Amino acid sequence: MHLIFLGPPACGKGTQSAILKKEHGYYHLSTGDLIRKEVTAETEIGRKLKACTETGALGASEIVNELLKKDVENHRQMGILFDGYPRKQDQAEFLDSVIRENDGVLKHVFYFDIDANELYKRILGRITCNDCGIVYNLQTNPPKEEGICDCCKGQLVRRNDDNESVLKNRIQSFFEETAPLKDFYQKRGILAVINARAPVELVTEQIINAL
């Protein structure tokens, strides 16, 4: 049984993904993480995607699709939680085909409902574990020890793309290109709208109750 978390940057998808991964055994497939891995390794794909991550533009669908397809095939025996994908309807249709090819079922799509002003506030306080990738927020979900991950004791850092100009592009891209997927999945009867403005534990409760 596979899930999709659909929402703009800083809406809380990363935090909830970490909770479902730890407590319910889902494999967390973040296309953002896959892209950053390629960029850091300076692979041929990474060089093509680097400009996208620096400006906040969506990565080329064909390249992202190939990264995703390979990762799904490697984890086909697990329940997969898709975070940051799909971003457009053509990707949604591609994901349907990949899931079918790997004998999977897309059970639920969770839409994280939150307004842009709240996102801007959150992004300024967001930090990420350099080792395990867990996301914290200094205002809403701070680590117990400053600069140290609660789970793996890794170093907490601010992502390079967490700045105001990049954020504006990413939020604009989401509401222009990705938000229409809400209707796409609603028509299929698998969409659940989550109040992403609520505290972390209440967001988790909304998701678990819908499963």
Protein backbone atom coordinates (compact mmCIF):
# COMPACT_ATOMS: atom_id res chain seq x y z
CA MET A 1 0.00 0.00 0.00
CA HIS A 2 1.56 3.27 -1.17
CA LEU A 3 0.88 6.85 -0.06
CA ILE A 4 1.51 10.32 -1.49
CA PHE A 5 2.16 13.46 0.53
CA LEU A 6 1.15 16.43 -1.61
CA GLY A 7 1.93 19.93 -0.41
CA PRO A 8 4.14 23.03 -0.84
CA PRO A 9 7.64 23.36 0.65
CA ALA A 10 7.77 23.69 4.45
CA CYS A 11 4.21 22.37 4.91
CA GLY A 12 5.41 19.52 7.16
CA LYS A 13 5.68 16.62 4.70
CA GLY A 14 9.23 15.78 5.78
CA THR A 15 8.35 15.69 9.47
CA GLN A 16 5.32 13.45 8.92
CA SER A 17 7.27 11.22 6.53
CA ALA A 18 9.87 10.59 9.23
CA ILE A 19 7.13 9.64 11.70
CA LEU A 20 5.46 7.17 9.33
CA LYS A 21 8.84 5.72 8.39
CA LYS A 22 9.81 5.15 12.03
CA GLU A 23 6.48 4.03 13.45
CA HIS A 24 4.83 2.28 10.48
CA GLY A 25 7.74 1.04 8.37
CA TYR A 26 7.14 3.01 5.19
CA TYR A 27 9.99 3.63 2.76
CA HIS A 28 10.31 7.40 2.37
CA LEU A 29 10.87 8.25 -1.29
CA SER A 30 11.73 11.94 -1.56
CA THR A 31 12.53 13.07 -5.08
CA GLY A 32 14.13 16.16 -3.58
CA ASP A 33 16.57 13.93 -1.68
CA LEU A 34 17.24 11.85 -4.83
CA ILE A 35 18.00 15.02 -6.79
CA ARG A 36 20.27 16.48 -4.10
CA LYS A 37 22.17 13.17 -3.93
CA GLU A 38 22.87 13.32 -7.66
CA VAL A 39 23.91 16.98 -7.45
CA THR A 40 26.26 16.35 -4.51
CA ALA A 41 27.85 13.38 -6.29
CA GLU A 42 28.27 15.56 -9.40
CA THR A 43 26.90 12.87 -11.68
CA GLU A 44 25.82 13.65 -15.23
CA ILE A 45 22.20 13.77 -14.08
CA GLY A 46 23.22 15.91 -11.10
CA ARG A 47 24.83 18.53 -13.32
CA LYS A 48 21.67 18.79 -15.39
CA LEU A 49 19.54 19.23 -12.27
CA LYS A 50 21.83 21.62 -10.38
CA ALA A 51 20.41 24.74 -12.01
CA CYS A 52 16.89 23.66 -11.05
CA THR A 53 17.76 23.29 -7.34
CA GLU A 54 19.55 26.65 -7.30
CA THR A 55 16.60 28.58 -8.76
CA GLY A 56 13.72 26.63 -7.22
CA ALA A 57 12.42 25.49 -10.61
CA LEU A 58 10.94 22.02 -10.95
CA GLY A 59 13.37 19.44 -12.26
CA ALA A 60 12.94 18.11 -15.80
CA SER A 61 10.18 15.49 -15.66
CA GLU A 62 12.02 12.90 -17.77
CA ILE A 63 15.08 12.90 -15.49
CA VAL A 64 13.10 12.88 -12.25
CA ASN A 65 10.89 10.10 -13.63
CA GLU A 66 13.90 7.88 -14.26
CA LEU A 67 15.29 8.47 -10.76
CA LEU A 68 11.92 7.65 -9.25
CA LYS A 69 11.33 4.53 -11.37
CA LYS A 70 14.68 3.06 -10.35
CA ASP A 71 14.04 3.74 -6.65
CA VAL A 72 10.55 2.21 -6.78
CA GLU A 73 11.94 -0.93 -8.41
CA ASN A 74 14.55 -1.20 -5.65
CA HIS A 75 11.90 -0.97 -2.91
CA ARG A 76 8.92 -2.66 -4.58
CA GLN A 77 8.35 -5.01 -1.63
CA MET A 78 7.76 -2.11 0.77
CA GLY A 79 4.98 0.38 1.33
CA ILE A 80 6.31 3.57 -0.26
CA LEU A 81 5.54 7.10 0.88
CA PHE A 82 6.05 9.48 -2.05
CA ASP A 83 7.16 12.93 -0.88
CA GLY A 84 7.54 15.72 -3.46
CA TYR A 85 6.26 13.61 -6.35
CA PRO A 86 4.21 13.84 -8.46
CA ARG A 87 4.31 17.58 -9.15
CA LYS A 88 2.33 17.64 -12.40
CA GLN A 89 -0.36 15.51 -13.98
CA ASP A 90 2.00 13.87 -16.46
CA GLN A 91 4.11 12.72 -13.51
CA ALA A 92 0.98 11.46 -11.73
CA GLU A 93 0.11 9.37 -14.78
CA PHE A 94 3.71 8.10 -15.01
CA LEU A 95 3.63 7.14 -11.32
CA ASP A 96 0.42 5.17 -11.90
CA SER A 97 2.19 3.12 -14.58
CA VAL A 98 5.28 2.53 -12.41
CA ILE A 99 3.15 1.37 -9.48
CA ARG A 100 1.20 -1.01 -11.72
CA GLU A 101 4.42 -2.42 -13.23
CA ASN A 102 5.68 -3.18 -9.72
CA ASP A 103 2.40 -4.76 -8.54
CA GLY A 104 1.65 -1.96 -6.08
CA VAL A 105 -1.47 -0.04 -5.07
CA LEU A 106 -1.79 3.70 -4.42
CA LYS A 107 -4.08 3.78 -1.37
CA HIS A 108 -4.19 7.42 -0.20
CA VAL A 109 -3.07 10.88 -1.26
CA PHE A 110 -2.74 13.42 1.57
CA TYR A 111 -3.00 17.09 0.62
CA PHE A 112 -1.32 19.36 3.19
CA ASP A 113 -3.53 22.44 3.30
CA ILE A 114 -1.69 25.62 4.36
CA ASP A 115 -1.43 29.20 3.13
CA ALA A 116 1.63 30.89 1.67
CA ASN A 117 2.12 33.36 4.55
CA GLU A 118 2.51 30.54 7.05
CA LEU A 119 5.01 28.84 4.74
CA TYR A 120 7.24 31.93 4.65
CA LYS A 121 7.30 32.00 8.46
CA ARG A 122 8.19 28.33 8.69
CA ILE A 123 10.93 28.30 6.11
CA LEU A 124 13.08 30.80 8.00
CA GLY A 125 13.31 28.37 10.93
CA ARG A 126 13.75 25.10 9.05
CA ILE A 127 16.86 22.97 9.61
CA THR A 128 17.69 19.45 8.39
CA CYS A 129 19.84 16.64 9.72
CA ASN A 130 22.95 16.29 7.57
CA ASP A 131 23.01 12.51 8.18
CA CYS A 132 19.49 11.07 8.34
CA GLY A 133 17.55 13.88 6.63
CA ILE A 134 14.97 14.51 9.38
CA VAL A 135 13.55 18.04 9.24
CA TYR A 136 13.12 20.29 12.29
CA ASN A 137 11.71 23.78 12.73
CA LEU A 138 13.12 26.13 15.34
CA GLN A 139 9.66 27.56 16.04
CA THR A 140 7.30 24.58 15.78
CA ASN A 141 9.43 21.44 16.13
CA PRO A 142 12.86 22.28 17.59
CA PRO A 143 15.51 19.63 18.43
CA LYS A 144 16.09 18.84 22.10
CA GLU A 145 19.72 19.92 21.80
CA GLU A 146 20.65 22.92 19.67
CA GLY A 147 22.24 21.90 16.36
CA ILE A 148 22.01 18.14 17.10
CA CYS A 149 19.53 15.63 15.65
CA ASP A 150 17.38 13.89 18.27
CA CYS A 151 17.44 10.58 16.35
CA CYS A 152 20.98 10.04 15.09
CA LYS A 153 22.96 12.87 16.77
CA GLY A 154 23.93 14.20 13.34
CA GLN A 155 24.59 17.88 12.64
CA LEU A 156 21.61 20.08 11.81
CA VAL A 157 22.11 22.46 8.89
CA ARG A 158 20.09 24.88 6.78
CA ARG A 159 19.56 23.76 3.19
CA ASN A 160 21.04 25.96 0.46
CA ASP A 161 17.64 26.28 -1.22
CA ASP A 162 15.97 27.54 1.98
CA ASN A 163 16.12 31.23 1.20
CA GLU A 164 13.44 33.78 0.37
CA SER A 165 14.01 34.11 -3.39
CA VAL A 166 14.17 30.35 -3.99
CA LEU A 167 11.19 29.80 -1.70
CA LYS A 168 9.03 32.23 -3.68
CA ASN A 169 9.77 30.33 -6.89
CA ARG A 170 9.06 26.97 -5.29
CA ILE A 171 5.78 28.09 -3.72
CA GLN A 172 4.66 29.72 -6.96
CA SER A 173 5.53 26.54 -8.89
CA PHE A 174 3.53 24.45 -6.44
CA PHE A 175 0.34 26.48 -6.61
CA GLU A 176 0.55 26.87 -10.40
CA GLU A 177 1.62 23.34 -11.39
CA THR A 178 1.07 20.97 -8.47
CA ALA A 179 -2.05 22.13 -6.61
CA PRO A 180 -4.33 21.04 -9.53
CA LEU A 181 -3.41 17.45 -8.62
CA LYS A 182 -5.74 17.89 -5.65
CA ASP A 183 -8.72 17.69 -8.04
CA PHE A 184 -7.06 14.90 -10.03
CA TYR A 185 -6.88 12.61 -6.99
CA GLN A 186 -10.15 13.82 -5.46
CA LYS A 187 -12.01 12.56 -8.53
CA ARG A 188 -10.47 9.13 -7.91
CA GLY A 189 -11.74 9.11 -4.32
CA ILE A 190 -8.34 8.68 -2.66
CA LEU A 191 -7.64 12.26 -1.50
CA ALA A 192 -7.62 13.32 2.16
CA VAL A 193 -7.15 17.02 3.00
CA ILE A 194 -4.96 17.59 6.06
CA ASN A 195 -4.93 20.76 8.16
CA ALA A 196 -1.16 21.36 7.99
CA ARG A 197 -1.41 24.44 10.23
CA ALA A 198 -2.10 22.20 13.23
CA PRO A 199 0.64 21.10 15.69
CA VAL A 200 2.79 18.17 14.54
CA GLU A 201 1.07 15.54 16.71
CA LEU A 202 -2.39 16.59 15.50
CA VAL A 203 -1.29 16.42 11.85
CA THR A 204 -0.03 12.89 12.53
CA GLU A 205 -3.36 12.00 14.12
CA GLN A 206 -5.25 13.21 11.04
CA ILE A 207 -3.10 11.01 8.79
CA ILE A 208 -3.32 7.89 10.95
CA ASN A 209 -7.09 8.24 11.28
CA ALA A 210 -7.42 8.35 7.48
CA LEU A 211 -5.33 5.24 6.86
